[in-house]
Amino acid sequence: MTTKILYEEMTWPETKEAVAEGRVVMIPVGTTEQHGYHLPLSTDVLCCHAVCKKVAENAPRDAVVFPPVWYGFNEHHKDFPGTLWVDWHPFISYLMDIGGSAAHHGFRRLVFVNGHGSNTPFTQIAARKITNTTESICAALNYWDFGQEAAKKVRQSDWPGGMAHACELETSLLLYLAPNLVDMSKAKKDMTFQKSKYIYWDLQGGAVGGTVAFMDYWSRMSKTGVIGDPTLATKEKGKLIFDAIVNGLTDFVREFKMRGIRKRIDYH
């Protein structure tokens, strides 16, 4: 019998078995927002969910994938039609409730696998709060950080900015994962943001800012919704980057599964 890796496909006794196996809970966190003329609103969710599923396929006794979070903190995109956003406070609370539910049922190691740059501080806060308020430990990460070296090898777009949003990287991943949802005839390079030594956006070296963290309304930075050069994207680049991300994240999940949860000591 094939081991189930998707939480929503399990029966409740099977979830107990997953707890007993000490599996790491992977919670994909994305958003629903514009990704230029050529990519679907679901891009962020599709990418992080696909990564999680492949990791769990590689290590079915080590990981279980929760249903993805489809909404995130992205009101800065709302000048472009299609974007749906959630304010920061309910977003953090929602993530904490998901993790808290998993902890209540006995899962002791949880990971938020984020697919949207501006979710980063909020997934980190939620992870800390879960660790501080439950018997479980929780980590947060951005999936693209595990593909840095692979992306660097194949990158052709300018840095910084060439791999920021609906860009060479995200478009390459979608060409590999869901080519039917990509319309390359509409892909356009857009690097019209104000140039700065300290403020930039790029999935290599600062997704939500450079040395100085700053996020403006997207319509002040982009004419198309894109920041980057999706015209340079290929399926081959997407596969190379995806495989590197999956390999790195699989290694982390296996390590995190073995991480000890030590007893707290009150030194008062």
Protein backbone atom coordinates (compact mmCIF):
# COMPACT_ATOMS: atom_id res chain seq x y z
CA MET A 1 0.00 0.00 0.00
CA THR A 2 1.34 3.40 -0.99
CA THR A 3 2.02 5.72 1.92
CA LYS A 4 -0.28 8.73 1.82
CA ILE A 5 1.53 12.06 1.90
CA LEU A 6 -1.36 14.50 1.54
CA TYR A 7 -3.08 15.17 4.86
CA GLU A 8 -6.50 15.79 3.32
CA GLU A 9 -6.50 12.32 1.74
CA MET A 10 -5.92 10.55 5.06
CA THR A 11 -8.49 9.04 7.39
CA TRP A 12 -8.27 10.07 11.02
CA PRO A 13 -6.58 6.79 12.06
CA GLU A 14 -4.00 7.39 9.33
CA THR A 15 -3.24 10.82 10.77
CA LYS A 16 -2.50 9.10 14.10
CA GLU A 17 -0.07 6.81 12.29
CA ALA A 18 1.66 9.83 10.75
CA VAL A 19 2.02 11.31 14.24
CA ALA A 20 3.44 8.03 15.56
CA GLU A 21 5.98 8.02 12.73
CA GLY A 22 7.14 11.45 13.84
CA ARG A 23 6.54 12.92 10.42
CA VAL A 24 7.33 16.59 9.81
CA VAL A 25 4.28 18.64 8.87
CA MET A 26 4.88 20.79 5.79
CA ILE A 27 2.42 23.67 5.43
CA PRO A 28 2.64 25.39 2.00
CA VAL A 29 1.84 29.10 2.33
CA GLY A 30 1.24 31.15 -0.79
CA THR A 31 -1.12 33.86 -1.97
CA THR A 32 -3.55 34.58 -4.78
CA GLU A 33 -2.28 37.55 -6.75
CA GLN A 34 -1.40 38.95 -10.14
CA HIS A 35 1.68 37.57 -11.87
CA GLY A 36 1.89 39.70 -14.97
CA TYR A 37 0.22 39.01 -18.29
CA HIS A 38 1.54 35.47 -18.66
CA LEU A 39 1.27 33.60 -15.32
CA PRO A 40 -1.77 32.52 -13.27
CA LEU A 41 -2.90 34.04 -9.97
CA SER A 42 -2.06 30.71 -8.33
CA THR A 43 1.67 30.84 -9.12
CA ASP A 44 2.94 31.16 -5.54
CA VAL A 45 0.75 28.35 -4.22
CA LEU A 46 1.47 26.05 -7.15
CA CYS A 47 5.23 26.37 -6.68
CA CYS A 48 5.44 25.86 -2.92
CA HIS A 49 2.82 23.10 -2.92
CA ALA A 50 4.61 21.22 -5.71
CA VAL A 51 7.88 21.46 -3.80
CA CYS A 52 6.27 20.09 -0.63
CA LYS A 53 4.61 17.20 -2.45
CA LYS A 54 7.83 16.16 -4.14
CA VAL A 55 9.75 16.30 -0.85
CA ALA A 56 7.13 14.08 0.76
CA GLU A 57 7.26 11.69 -2.20
CA ASN A 58 11.01 11.45 -1.64
CA ALA A 59 10.59 10.88 2.10
CA PRO A 60 7.05 9.56 2.71
CA ARG A 61 7.83 8.34 6.23
CA ASP A 62 9.40 11.64 7.16
CA ALA A 63 6.90 14.23 5.92
CA VAL A 64 3.21 14.94 5.46
CA VAL A 65 1.83 17.84 3.40
CA PHE A 66 -1.02 19.93 4.75
CA PRO A 67 -3.50 21.68 2.41
CA PRO A 68 -1.97 24.95 1.18
CA VAL A 69 -2.82 28.43 2.43
CA TRP A 70 -4.16 30.29 -0.61
CA TYR A 71 -4.28 33.82 0.83
CA GLY A 72 -1.45 35.96 2.13
CA PHE A 73 -0.19 39.44 2.93
CA ASN A 74 -0.12 41.16 -0.45
CA GLU A 75 -2.27 44.29 -0.38
CA HIS A 76 0.58 46.11 -2.16
CA HIS A 77 -0.53 44.25 -5.31
CA LYS A 78 -4.15 45.35 -5.14
CA ASP A 79 -3.86 47.97 -7.90
CA PHE A 80 -3.73 45.00 -10.29
CA PRO A 81 -7.01 43.08 -10.79
CA GLY A 82 -7.19 39.53 -9.50
CA THR A 83 -5.23 40.02 -6.29
CA LEU A 84 -6.83 38.84 -3.04
CA TRP A 85 -5.27 39.92 0.25
CA VAL A 86 -5.51 39.32 3.99
CA ASP A 87 -4.41 41.76 6.66
CA TRP A 88 -1.38 40.86 8.76
CA HIS A 89 -3.10 40.18 12.10
CA PRO A 90 -5.70 37.61 10.94
CA PHE A 91 -3.05 36.10 8.66
CA ILE A 92 -0.69 35.41 11.58
CA SER A 93 -3.57 34.16 13.72
CA TYR A 94 -4.73 31.84 10.94
CA LEU A 95 -1.25 30.34 10.55
CA MET A 96 -0.98 29.90 14.32
CA ASP A 97 -4.33 28.12 14.42
CA ILE A 98 -3.27 25.70 11.67
CA GLY A 99 -0.02 24.93 13.47
CA GLY A 100 -1.76 24.80 16.83
CA SER A 101 -4.23 22.24 15.49
CA ALA A 102 -1.38 20.06 14.27
CA ALA A 103 0.35 20.37 17.64
CA HIS A 104 -2.88 19.46 19.46
CA HIS A 105 -3.05 16.18 17.52
CA GLY A 106 0.54 15.31 18.42
CA PHE A 107 2.67 16.46 15.49
CA ARG A 108 5.83 17.83 17.08
CA ARG A 109 7.76 19.30 14.15
CA LEU A 110 6.11 21.74 11.76
CA VAL A 111 7.42 23.83 8.86
CA PHE A 112 5.81 26.72 7.01
CA VAL A 113 7.05 26.47 3.41
CA ASN A 114 6.46 29.95 2.03
CA GLY A 115 6.01 30.83 -1.63
CA HIS A 116 5.39 34.60 -1.43
CA GLY A 117 8.09 37.07 -0.44
CA SER A 118 5.97 39.43 1.62
CA ASN A 119 4.65 36.55 3.73
CA THR A 120 8.16 36.03 5.11
CA PRO A 121 8.05 38.03 8.38
CA PHE A 122 4.58 36.77 9.20
CA THR A 123 5.35 33.09 8.70
CA GLN A 124 8.41 33.60 10.90
CA ILE A 125 6.36 35.24 13.64
CA ALA A 126 3.71 32.50 13.48
CA ALA A 127 6.41 29.83 13.68
CA ARG A 128 7.94 31.47 16.75
CA LYS A 129 4.59 31.78 18.47
CA ILE A 130 3.74 28.13 17.81
CA THR A 131 7.08 27.09 19.28
CA ASN A 132 6.51 29.36 22.30
CA THR A 133 2.92 28.34 23.03
CA THR A 134 2.69 24.62 22.21
CA GLU A 135 4.68 21.45 22.88
CA SER A 136 5.79 21.46 19.24
CA ILE A 137 8.54 23.28 17.39
CA CYS A 138 7.91 25.17 14.16
CA ALA A 139 10.24 26.56 11.50
CA ALA A 140 9.61 28.87 8.54
CA LEU A 141 11.42 29.03 5.21
CA ASN A 142 11.15 30.38 1.68
CA TYR A 143 11.35 27.55 -0.82
CA TRP A 144 13.54 29.43 -3.33
CA ASP A 145 16.35 29.79 -0.79
CA PHE A 146 17.13 26.12 -1.33
CA GLY A 147 17.72 26.66 -5.06
CA GLN A 148 20.15 29.58 -4.92
CA GLU A 149 23.18 27.84 -6.39
CA ALA A 150 21.18 26.20 -9.19
CA ALA A 151 19.49 29.49 -10.09
CA LYS A 152 22.86 31.25 -10.13
CA LYS A 153 24.21 28.72 -12.64
CA VAL A 154 21.43 29.21 -15.19
CA ARG A 155 20.50 32.83 -14.56
CA GLN A 156 20.65 35.19 -17.54
CA SER A 157 18.62 38.12 -16.20
CA ASP A 158 20.13 41.21 -14.61
CA TRP A 159 20.74 41.34 -10.87
CA PRO A 160 19.10 42.71 -8.88
CA GLY A 161 15.54 42.60 -10.14
CA GLY A 162 15.67 40.02 -12.90
CA MET A 163 14.32 37.32 -10.61
CA ALA A 164 11.80 39.16 -8.46
CA HIS A 165 8.18 38.48 -9.46
CA ALA A 166 6.64 36.61 -12.41
CA CYS A 167 10.25 36.55 -13.50
CA GLU A 168 12.87 34.29 -15.02
CA LEU A 169 12.74 31.99 -11.98
CA GLU A 170 8.99 31.74 -11.34
CA THR A 171 8.19 31.48 -15.04
CA SER A 172 10.77 28.73 -15.49
CA LEU A 173 9.26 26.79 -12.59
CA LEU A 174 5.76 27.10 -14.05
CA LEU A 175 6.97 26.07 -17.50
CA TYR A 176 8.18 22.88 -15.83
CA LEU A 177 5.33 22.32 -13.36
CA ALA A 178 2.27 23.60 -15.23
CA PRO A 179 3.12 24.69 -18.79
CA ASN A 180 -0.58 24.73 -19.71
CA LEU A 181 -1.01 27.75 -17.41
CA VAL A 182 1.80 29.81 -18.98
CA ASP A 183 1.36 32.05 -22.02
CA MET A 184 4.88 32.95 -23.12
CA SER A 185 3.52 35.01 -26.01
CA LYS A 186 2.46 37.56 -23.38
CA ALA A 187 5.63 37.45 -21.26
CA LYS A 188 7.27 40.87 -21.00
CA LYS A 189 10.45 42.08 -19.36
CA ASP A 190 9.77 44.82 -16.83
CA MET A 191 12.67 46.44 -14.99
CA THR A 192 11.13 49.90 -14.68
CA PHE A 193 11.48 50.13 -10.89
CA GLN A 194 13.58 52.96 -9.43
CA LYS A 195 17.20 51.88 -9.17
CA SER A 196 18.77 52.00 -5.72
CA LYS A 197 21.98 50.88 -4.07
CA TYR A 198 20.08 49.83 -0.96
CA ILE A 199 16.52 48.92 -2.00
CA TYR A 200 15.87 46.11 -4.47
CA TRP A 201 13.79 42.98 -4.94
CA ASP A 202 15.18 39.67 -6.11
CA LEU A 203 14.65 36.04 -5.19
CA GLN A 204 18.42 35.82 -5.06
CA GLY A 205 19.62 38.01 -2.24
CA GLY A 206 16.55 39.65 -0.70
CA ALA A 207 13.03 38.87 -1.86
CA VAL A 208 11.48 41.70 0.14
CA GLY A 209 14.29 44.21 -0.02
CA GLY A 210 18.02 44.68 -0.14
CA THR A 211 20.06 46.17 2.68
CA VAL A 212 17.01 48.30 3.50
CA ALA A 213 13.66 46.51 3.79
CA PHE A 214 11.03 48.48 1.90
CA MET A 215 7.92 47.55 -0.05
CA ASP A 216 5.94 50.05 -2.09
CA TYR A 217 2.69 49.64 -4.01
CA TRP A 218 3.51 47.39 -6.95
CA SER A 219 1.92 49.78 -9.46
CA ARG A 220 4.59 52.34 -8.51
CA MET A 221 7.31 49.88 -9.48
CA SER A 222 5.92 47.93 -12.42
CA LYS A 223 3.82 48.71 -15.49
CA THR A 224 2.92 45.07 -16.20
CA GLY A 225 2.84 43.46 -12.76
CA VAL A 226 6.20 41.84 -13.49
CA ILE A 227 9.53 42.67 -11.92
CA GLY A 228 12.15 40.76 -13.85
CA ASP A 229 12.65 39.15 -17.22
CA PRO A 230 10.35 36.19 -17.85
CA THR A 231 11.31 36.09 -21.53
CA LEU A 232 14.50 34.27 -20.48
CA ALA A 233 12.60 31.47 -18.76
CA THR A 234 12.78 27.86 -19.95
CA LYS A 235 11.39 24.53 -18.82
CA GLU A 236 14.95 23.21 -18.52
CA LYS A 237 15.90 25.96 -16.07
CA GLY A 238 12.74 25.25 -14.13
CA LYS A 239 13.53 21.56 -13.74
CA LEU A 240 17.10 22.22 -12.65
CA ILE A 241 16.02 24.77 -10.03
CA PHE A 242 13.06 22.68 -8.85
CA ASP A 243 15.19 19.56 -8.38
CA ALA A 244 17.79 21.52 -6.42
CA ILE A 245 15.12 23.01 -4.15
CA VAL A 246 13.54 19.61 -3.53
CA ASN A 247 16.88 17.94 -2.77
CA GLY A 248 17.87 20.65 -0.30
CA LEU A 249 14.49 20.76 1.40
CA THR A 250 14.32 16.96 1.65
CA ASP A 251 17.66 17.02 3.45
CA PHE A 252 16.38 19.70 5.83
CA VAL A 253 13.14 17.83 6.61
CA ARG A 254 15.06 14.67 7.46
CA GLU A 255 17.36 16.66 9.71
CA PHE A 256 14.49 18.54 11.35
CA LYS A 257 12.67 15.27 12.06
CA MET A 258 15.63 14.21 14.17
CA ARG A 259 15.98 17.53 15.99
CA GLY A 260 15.62 17.06 19.71
CA ILE A 261 13.05 19.02 21.68
CA ARG A 262 14.90 19.63 24.89
CA LYS A 263 13.29 20.25 28.26
CA ARG A 264 12.98 23.90 29.21
CA ILE A 265 14.68 25.10 32.40
CA ASP A 266 13.39 28.06 34.39
CA TYR A 267 16.46 29.70 35.95
CA HIS A 268 14.58 32.15 38.18
